[in-house]
Amino acid sequence: MSFSVGIVGLPNVGKSTLFKALTKKPALIANYPFATIDPNVGVVEVPDERLAKLAAVSVSEKVIPTTIEFVDIAGLVKGASTGEGLGNKFLSHIREVAAIVQVVRGFSDPNIIHVHNKVDPQNDAEVINLELALADLATVNKRLENLRRESKGAASKDLEILLKLIERLKTGLEAGQAVREVGLTAEEQLLIRDLNLLTAKPLLYVVNEDEPRTNPNEGASVNKLSEPQAASLVDSQVSGGLRWDLVRGESPIVRISAKLEAELADLPAEEAKEYLKSLGLEQTGLERLILASYKLLDLITFFTSGPKETRAWTVPSGTKAPQAAGVIHTDFEKGFIRAEICNWQDFVKYSGEAGVKEKGLYRLEGKDYVMQDGDTCYFRVAA
């Protein structure tokens, strides 16, 4: 499974600045549209305070966090679904990621060009969402046309089921409903997986705000979007005949200053920590974004911990023990016998495996066990 998250948005909303801060990799940052054409890819460690605690108990030589991949995709523009601004190429890059982080502009720097010459987070989101929906509608219409042609020849029950499903998607998209909101069953999702629909992907919004400012006389204060701007993110708009609710309950919002995060990323760890403290902040926006993206992908973390290393491993929620073992090594899934599991907190509290066993908290789980976030594991496999 791909654990990649695409960063999308209009040109010059701060995508590449955010990507550079996230990945600490160079990315072309320029004050003109389409500075990024080919996507930049970077792998980011997922912050997890549990790792250090487990490693301290096991006196591990190495600590290895789990990771998530971010892809900086070139800016989309109005008309991307019909090829404007190299739209077809950019949309194809979005199809390759598992989830979408959509950056909208909330910062007020007049020196940074905005393609629509105004700071309007809602309009940013509306343009992108509409283009993704129109691209999906074109894909669905094409598939529908092919299915109807096939059904005239030799109709089958499976074909009829798929035809009704695609018609349902078409109706939803025309009514301004993202595919992720149609309420598809797991079986239906499998049936349309080959379409790789853009609005079926999990979505998270990042509002790129002005930098926080500190006042020595009044303590830390943060410049945020004005109330009308903030409210606009949850309003509905009518565009191109499609009613599009820009932010739904399942699409979280992370507020961040990409410029501040880029500055923090260039500082030594201790200096960055002090700078954050001076702003009255406990956690960087990047940490919040990484964790929110990880959650968006519906992932969980399990651990292995011993003298050689303490390591975090990523699996989709609902993964069973043999498949989790297979993430460590493919042969482990084939030769899986059982999993010896305890909760990470018990591992820390009772000073490791021996203490957990003494308290009767070490469990033996078989092939049907569904992994839980925080499980600390030892897998028994056939030689």
Protein backbone atom coordinates (compact mmCIF):
# COMPACT_ATOMS: atom_id res chain seq x y z
CA MET A 1 0.00 0.00 0.00
CA SER A 2 1.25 3.48 -0.86
CA PHE A 3 1.60 5.81 2.11
CA SER A 4 2.09 8.89 -0.07
CA VAL A 5 0.38 12.25 0.40
CA GLY A 6 0.17 14.77 -2.44
CA ILE A 7 0.46 18.47 -1.62
CA VAL A 8 -1.78 20.38 -4.04
CA GLY A 9 -3.17 23.87 -4.44
CA LEU A 10 -3.13 26.89 -6.70
CA PRO A 11 0.25 28.30 -7.76
CA ASN A 12 2.08 30.42 -5.15
CA VAL A 13 0.06 29.37 -2.09
CA GLY A 14 3.15 28.01 -0.32
CA LYS A 15 3.18 24.34 -1.37
CA SER A 16 6.89 24.17 -2.15
CA THR A 17 7.85 26.17 0.93
CA LEU A 18 5.83 23.74 3.01
CA PHE A 19 7.37 20.74 1.23
CA LYS A 20 10.91 22.03 1.76
CA ALA A 21 10.26 22.56 5.46
CA LEU A 22 8.65 19.13 5.80
CA THR A 23 11.31 17.13 4.02
CA LYS A 24 14.35 19.38 4.47
CA LYS A 25 14.92 18.82 0.77
CA PRO A 26 15.57 21.59 -1.76
CA ALA A 27 12.54 22.60 -3.81
CA LEU A 28 12.31 25.44 -6.31
CA ILE A 29 10.48 28.29 -4.59
CA ALA A 30 9.69 31.14 -6.97
CA ASN A 31 7.25 34.02 -7.19
CA TYR A 32 5.59 32.92 -10.41
CA PRO A 33 3.10 30.22 -11.45
CA PHE A 34 4.32 26.72 -12.38
CA ALA A 35 7.73 27.05 -10.72
CA THR A 36 7.23 23.35 -9.94
CA ILE A 37 6.47 21.14 -12.94
CA ASP A 38 7.78 17.69 -12.09
CA PRO A 39 6.69 16.56 -8.61
CA ASN A 40 9.21 16.66 -5.75
CA VAL A 41 9.15 13.61 -3.48
CA GLY A 42 10.37 13.44 0.10
CA VAL A 43 10.17 10.90 2.93
CA VAL A 44 9.37 12.30 6.38
CA GLU A 45 9.77 10.71 9.80
CA VAL A 46 6.55 10.48 11.81
CA PRO A 47 7.12 11.98 15.28
CA ASP A 48 6.28 9.48 18.02
CA GLU A 49 7.26 10.02 21.65
CA ARG A 50 6.59 6.35 22.39
CA LEU A 51 9.75 5.28 20.55
CA ALA A 52 12.17 6.96 22.95
CA LYS A 53 10.39 5.46 25.97
CA LEU A 54 10.49 1.95 24.53
CA ALA A 55 14.14 2.36 23.50
CA ALA A 56 15.09 3.50 27.01
CA VAL A 57 13.61 0.32 28.50
CA SER A 58 15.29 -1.95 25.93
CA VAL A 59 18.55 0.06 25.93
CA SER A 60 18.40 -0.08 22.15
CA GLU A 61 21.40 0.71 19.97
CA LYS A 62 19.18 2.24 17.28
CA VAL A 63 15.79 3.95 17.17
CA ILE A 64 13.99 3.86 13.82
CA PRO A 65 10.75 5.83 13.34
CA THR A 66 8.15 5.05 10.73
CA THR A 67 7.86 7.34 7.71
CA ILE A 68 5.37 8.92 5.37
CA GLU A 69 5.97 10.19 1.82
CA PHE A 70 5.00 13.68 0.69
CA VAL A 71 4.79 14.69 -2.96
CA ASP A 72 4.91 18.36 -3.97
CA ILE A 73 2.63 18.55 -7.02
CA ALA A 74 2.67 21.55 -9.33
CA GLY A 75 -0.01 24.20 -8.91
CA LEU A 76 -3.38 23.60 -10.52
CA VAL A 77 -5.41 26.37 -12.12
CA LYS A 78 -8.99 26.88 -13.21
CA GLY A 79 -9.57 24.73 -16.27
CA ALA A 80 -7.02 22.07 -15.24
CA SER A 81 -9.61 19.35 -15.91
CA THR A 82 -9.62 20.39 -19.57
CA GLY A 83 -5.84 20.78 -19.84
CA GLU A 84 -5.27 24.39 -18.74
CA GLY A 85 -1.86 25.05 -17.19
CA LEU A 86 -0.60 21.55 -18.08
CA GLY A 87 -3.53 20.35 -15.99
CA ASN A 88 -3.74 16.83 -17.39
CA LYS A 89 -0.12 16.15 -16.44
CA PHE A 90 -0.60 17.53 -12.94
CA LEU A 91 -3.85 15.64 -12.38
CA SER A 92 -2.08 12.42 -13.33
CA HIS A 93 0.42 13.07 -10.53
CA ILE A 94 -2.45 13.42 -8.03
CA ARG A 95 -3.87 10.08 -9.17
CA GLU A 96 -0.68 8.38 -7.98
CA VAL A 97 -0.93 9.44 -4.31
CA ALA A 98 -3.04 7.87 -1.57
CA ALA A 99 -4.32 11.10 0.02
CA ILE A 100 -4.43 14.82 -0.67
CA VAL A 101 -3.24 17.77 1.39
CA GLN A 102 -4.77 20.86 -0.17
CA VAL A 103 -3.00 24.15 0.64
CA VAL A 104 -5.07 27.34 0.54
CA ARG A 105 -3.66 30.81 0.95
CA GLY A 106 -4.38 32.77 4.12
CA PHE A 107 -1.21 34.89 4.26
CA SER A 108 -1.31 38.52 3.19
CA ASP A 109 2.15 39.22 1.67
CA PRO A 110 1.47 41.65 -1.23
CA ASN A 111 4.83 40.76 -2.78
CA ILE A 112 3.71 37.20 -3.52
CA ILE A 113 1.65 36.95 -6.69
CA HIS A 114 -1.76 35.30 -6.40
CA VAL A 115 -3.12 33.91 -9.65
CA HIS A 116 -6.53 35.46 -8.90
CA ASN A 117 -5.09 38.67 -7.42
CA LYS A 118 -6.85 38.22 -4.09
CA VAL A 119 -6.43 36.32 -0.82
CA ASP A 120 -9.52 34.15 -0.58
CA PRO A 121 -9.06 30.69 0.99
CA GLN A 122 -12.53 29.60 -0.04
CA ASN A 123 -11.97 30.51 -3.65
CA ASP A 124 -8.65 28.63 -3.62
CA ALA A 125 -10.40 25.51 -2.35
CA GLU A 126 -13.36 25.95 -4.66
CA VAL A 127 -11.20 26.09 -7.79
CA ILE A 128 -9.21 22.98 -6.87
CA ASN A 129 -12.22 20.95 -5.70
CA LEU A 130 -14.19 21.84 -8.80
CA GLU A 131 -11.36 20.81 -11.11
CA LEU A 132 -10.91 17.49 -9.32
CA ALA A 133 -14.66 16.86 -9.50
CA LEU A 134 -14.83 17.73 -13.21
CA ALA A 135 -11.89 15.44 -13.93
CA ASP A 136 -13.66 12.62 -12.08
CA LEU A 137 -16.88 13.34 -13.92
CA ALA A 138 -15.07 13.03 -17.26
CA THR A 139 -13.58 9.69 -16.15
CA VAL A 140 -16.94 8.40 -14.93
CA ASN A 141 -18.75 9.48 -18.11
CA LYS A 142 -16.17 7.69 -20.23
CA ARG A 143 -16.53 4.48 -18.23
CA LEU A 144 -20.32 4.79 -18.30
CA GLU A 145 -20.31 5.10 -22.08
CA ASN A 146 -18.19 1.96 -22.41
CA LEU A 147 -20.35 -0.03 -19.97
CA ARG A 148 -23.56 0.92 -21.76
CA ARG A 149 -22.03 -0.21 -25.03
CA GLU A 150 -21.01 -3.53 -23.47
CA SER A 151 -24.43 -4.07 -21.90
CA LYS A 152 -26.09 -3.94 -25.32
CA GLY A 153 -24.11 -6.96 -26.38
CA ALA A 154 -24.03 -9.52 -23.58
CA ALA A 155 -25.40 -8.17 -20.32
CA SER A 156 -24.43 -9.95 -17.11
CA LYS A 157 -25.28 -9.52 -13.45
CA ASP A 158 -21.79 -8.21 -12.65
CA LEU A 159 -22.00 -5.73 -15.50
CA GLU A 160 -25.39 -4.48 -14.31
CA ILE A 161 -24.05 -3.99 -10.77
CA LEU A 162 -21.08 -1.99 -12.06
CA LEU A 163 -23.28 0.04 -14.40
CA LYS A 164 -25.60 1.07 -11.56
CA LEU A 165 -22.62 1.96 -9.38
CA ILE A 166 -21.05 4.19 -12.05
CA GLU A 167 -24.43 5.86 -12.67
CA ARG A 168 -24.64 6.53 -8.93
CA LEU A 169 -21.19 8.15 -8.96
CA LYS A 170 -22.19 10.31 -11.93
CA THR A 171 -25.32 11.49 -10.11
CA GLY A 172 -23.33 12.29 -6.99
CA LEU A 173 -20.62 14.24 -8.82
CA GLU A 174 -23.17 16.25 -10.77
CA ALA A 175 -24.83 17.15 -7.46
CA GLY A 176 -21.51 18.40 -6.05
CA GLN A 177 -20.73 15.31 -4.00
CA ALA A 178 -17.18 13.98 -3.75
CA VAL A 179 -16.83 10.26 -4.41
CA ARG A 180 -15.52 9.82 -0.84
CA GLU A 181 -18.91 11.07 0.38
CA VAL A 182 -21.12 8.77 -1.70
CA GLY A 183 -21.01 6.09 1.00
CA LEU A 184 -19.42 3.26 -0.95
CA THR A 185 -19.01 -0.15 0.65
CA ALA A 186 -15.59 -1.81 0.72
CA GLU A 187 -16.72 -4.07 -2.12
CA GLU A 188 -17.87 -1.11 -4.21
CA GLN A 189 -14.57 0.67 -3.61
CA LEU A 190 -12.76 -2.34 -5.03
CA LEU A 191 -15.00 -2.30 -8.12
CA ILE A 192 -13.99 1.27 -9.00
CA ARG A 193 -10.38 1.16 -7.79
CA ASP A 194 -9.04 1.03 -11.36
CA LEU A 195 -10.68 4.42 -12.07
CA ASN A 196 -8.38 6.04 -9.46
CA LEU A 197 -10.87 8.86 -8.88
CA LEU A 198 -9.43 12.03 -7.40
CA THR A 199 -12.32 12.94 -5.10
CA ALA A 200 -12.32 9.42 -3.67
CA LYS A 201 -9.01 10.15 -1.96
CA PRO A 202 -8.95 11.31 1.69
CA LEU A 203 -8.57 15.10 1.90
CA LEU A 204 -7.00 17.47 4.43
CA TYR A 205 -6.86 21.27 4.18
CA VAL A 206 -3.83 23.35 5.17
CA VAL A 207 -4.49 27.06 5.65
CA ASN A 208 -1.15 28.77 5.07
CA GLU A 209 -1.38 31.78 7.36
CA ASP A 210 0.81 34.77 8.19
CA GLU A 211 3.71 34.20 10.55
CA PRO A 212 3.00 34.34 14.29
CA ARG A 213 4.22 37.55 15.91
CA THR A 214 5.45 38.05 19.43
CA ASN A 215 4.96 41.18 21.51
CA PRO A 216 7.34 41.38 24.50
CA ASN A 217 4.79 43.40 26.44
CA GLU A 218 1.77 41.22 25.76
CA GLY A 219 3.28 37.76 25.31
CA ALA A 220 2.77 35.62 22.25
CA SER A 221 -0.01 36.32 19.80
CA VAL A 222 -0.76 34.74 16.47
CA ASN A 223 -2.03 36.39 13.32
CA LYS A 224 -4.87 34.25 12.00
CA LEU A 225 -7.40 34.53 9.24
CA SER A 226 -10.04 37.17 9.73
CA GLU A 227 -13.41 35.82 10.87
CA PRO A 228 -14.95 36.18 7.38
CA GLN A 229 -12.01 34.29 5.86
CA ALA A 230 -12.17 31.53 8.47
CA ALA A 231 -15.92 31.24 8.08
CA SER A 232 -15.54 31.06 4.32
CA LEU A 233 -13.82 27.71 4.64
CA VAL A 234 -17.03 26.07 5.78
CA ASP A 235 -19.39 27.86 3.44
CA SER A 236 -20.86 26.40 0.28
CA GLN A 237 -20.50 27.83 -3.20
CA VAL A 238 -22.17 27.28 -6.53
CA SER A 239 -19.74 27.03 -9.43
CA GLY A 240 -20.19 25.63 -12.91
CA GLY A 241 -23.58 24.22 -11.95
CA LEU A 242 -22.04 22.15 -9.13
CA ARG A 243 -22.87 22.85 -5.50
CA TRP A 244 -19.66 22.12 -3.63
CA ASP A 245 -19.40 22.09 0.16
CA LEU A 246 -15.76 22.95 0.57
CA VAL A 247 -15.13 21.52 3.99
CA ARG A 248 -16.97 18.49 5.32
CA GLY A 249 -16.70 16.82 8.69
CA GLU A 250 -14.25 14.24 7.35
CA SER A 251 -11.87 16.84 5.89
CA PRO A 252 -9.79 18.24 8.76
CA ILE A 253 -8.10 21.65 8.67
CA VAL A 254 -4.53 22.31 9.83
CA ARG A 255 -3.52 25.95 10.24
CA ILE A 256 0.15 26.59 9.59
CA SER A 257 2.65 29.25 8.56
CA ALA A 258 4.83 27.65 5.91
CA LYS A 259 7.27 30.55 6.14
CA LEU A 260 7.69 30.06 9.90
CA GLU A 261 8.06 26.30 9.47
CA ALA A 262 10.78 26.86 6.86
CA GLU A 263 12.63 29.12 9.30
CA LEU A 264 12.33 26.56 12.09
CA ALA A 265 13.55 23.78 9.81
CA ASP A 266 16.78 25.69 9.18
CA LEU A 267 17.54 26.10 12.90
CA PRO A 268 19.35 23.64 15.19
CA ALA A 269 16.88 21.58 17.23
CA GLU A 270 17.42 23.45 20.52
CA GLU A 271 17.17 26.88 18.90
CA ALA A 272 14.00 25.84 17.10
CA LYS A 273 12.55 24.65 20.40
CA GLU A 274 13.33 27.98 22.08
CA TYR A 275 11.91 29.91 19.15
CA LEU A 276 8.68 27.91 19.37
CA LYS A 277 8.52 28.57 23.10
CA SER A 278 8.92 32.31 22.53
CA LEU A 279 5.87 32.16 20.24
CA GLY A 280 3.83 30.35 22.87
CA LEU A 281 3.72 27.15 20.79
CA GLU A 282 4.39 23.62 22.02
CA GLN A 283 4.42 21.79 18.71
CA THR A 284 5.48 22.76 15.20
CA GLY A 285 2.85 23.02 12.52
CA LEU A 286 4.77 20.39 10.57
CA GLU A 287 4.42 17.87 13.40
CA ARG A 288 0.69 18.51 13.49
CA LEU A 289 0.48 18.16 9.72
CA ILE A 290 2.48 14.90 9.63
CA LEU A 291 0.36 13.34 12.36
CA ALA A 292 -2.87 14.56 10.72
CA SER A 293 -1.75 13.13 7.36
CA TYR A 294 -0.87 9.82 8.99
CA LYS A 295 -4.32 9.69 10.56
CA LEU A 296 -5.91 10.71 7.25
CA LEU A 297 -4.44 7.60 5.63
CA ASP A 298 -6.06 5.48 8.38
CA LEU A 299 -2.74 4.03 9.48
CA ILE A 300 -1.64 2.57 12.80
CA THR A 301 1.79 1.99 14.31
CA PHE A 302 3.09 -1.12 15.99
CA PHE A 303 6.52 -1.57 17.55
CA THR A 304 9.35 -4.03 17.90
CA SER A 305 11.81 -3.30 20.69
CA GLY A 306 15.02 -4.97 21.78
CA PRO A 307 18.71 -4.29 22.48
CA LYS A 308 19.62 -3.93 18.80
CA GLU A 309 16.81 -1.57 17.84
CA THR A 310 13.43 -0.13 18.71
CA ARG A 311 11.43 0.40 15.57
CA ALA A 312 8.02 1.72 14.52
CA TRP A 313 6.15 -0.04 11.72
CA THR A 314 3.20 1.22 9.70
CA VAL A 315 0.17 -0.80 8.61
CA PRO A 316 -3.36 0.15 7.54
CA SER A 317 -6.00 0.00 10.26
CA GLY A 318 -7.61 -3.44 10.27
CA THR A 319 -4.42 -5.32 9.34
CA LYS A 320 -4.14 -8.82 10.80
CA ALA A 321 -1.05 -10.17 12.55
CA PRO A 322 0.40 -12.26 9.67
CA GLN A 323 0.24 -9.29 7.29
CA ALA A 324 1.84 -7.05 9.93
CA ALA A 325 4.65 -9.58 10.28
CA GLY A 326 5.01 -9.49 6.50
CA VAL A 327 5.80 -5.77 6.67
CA ILE A 328 8.96 -6.66 8.60
CA HIS A 329 9.88 -9.42 6.13
CA THR A 330 7.76 -11.08 3.45
CA ASP A 331 8.84 -14.53 4.67
CA PHE A 332 7.38 -13.74 8.11
CA GLU A 333 3.86 -13.68 6.69
CA LYS A 334 4.32 -17.04 4.98
CA GLY A 335 5.83 -18.68 8.06
CA PHE A 336 3.67 -16.94 10.67
CA ILE A 337 2.96 -19.08 13.75
CA ARG A 338 1.81 -16.58 16.37
CA ALA A 339 2.38 -13.09 17.69
CA GLU A 340 3.46 -12.30 21.23
CA ILE A 341 1.95 -8.91 22.00
CA CYS A 342 1.63 -6.37 24.77
CA ASN A 343 0.61 -2.72 24.93
CA TRP A 344 3.54 -0.31 24.66
CA GLN A 345 2.57 1.40 27.93
CA ASP A 346 2.73 -1.89 29.80
CA PHE A 347 6.12 -2.61 28.20
CA VAL A 348 7.43 0.70 29.55
CA LYS A 349 5.67 0.53 32.93
CA TYR A 350 6.89 -2.97 33.77
CA SER A 351 10.41 -2.57 32.34
CA GLY A 352 10.14 -4.74 29.28
CA GLU A 353 9.12 -8.23 28.24
CA ALA A 354 10.00 -10.03 31.49
CA GLY A 355 8.03 -7.59 33.62
CA VAL A 356 5.01 -7.71 31.32
CA LYS A 357 5.03 -11.52 31.38
CA GLU A 358 5.24 -11.51 35.16
CA LYS A 359 2.11 -9.35 35.32
CA GLY A 360 0.28 -11.68 32.92
CA LEU A 361 -0.07 -8.94 30.28
CA TYR A 362 1.81 -10.68 27.47
CA ARG A 363 -0.69 -12.21 25.03
CA LEU A 364 -0.37 -14.93 22.42
CA GLU A 365 -2.35 -14.01 19.30
CA GLY A 366 -3.06 -16.06 16.18
CA LYS A 367 -3.69 -15.42 12.49
CA ASP A 368 -7.03 -13.70 13.03
CA TYR A 369 -5.74 -11.08 15.47
CA VAL A 370 -6.33 -7.50 14.25
CA MET A 371 -3.38 -5.26 15.08
CA GLN A 372 -3.95 -2.30 17.40
CA ASP A 373 -2.10 1.00 17.48
CA GLY A 374 0.65 0.79 20.08
CA ASP A 375 1.06 -2.99 20.03
CA THR A 376 4.60 -4.05 20.92
CA CYS A 377 5.26 -7.36 19.20
CA TYR A 378 7.46 -10.38 18.78
CA PHE A 379 6.50 -12.63 15.88
CA ARG A 380 7.09 -16.38 15.99
CA VAL A 381 7.65 -17.76 12.48
CA ALA A 382 8.58 -21.11 11.00
CA ALA A 383 12.21 -21.43 9.99
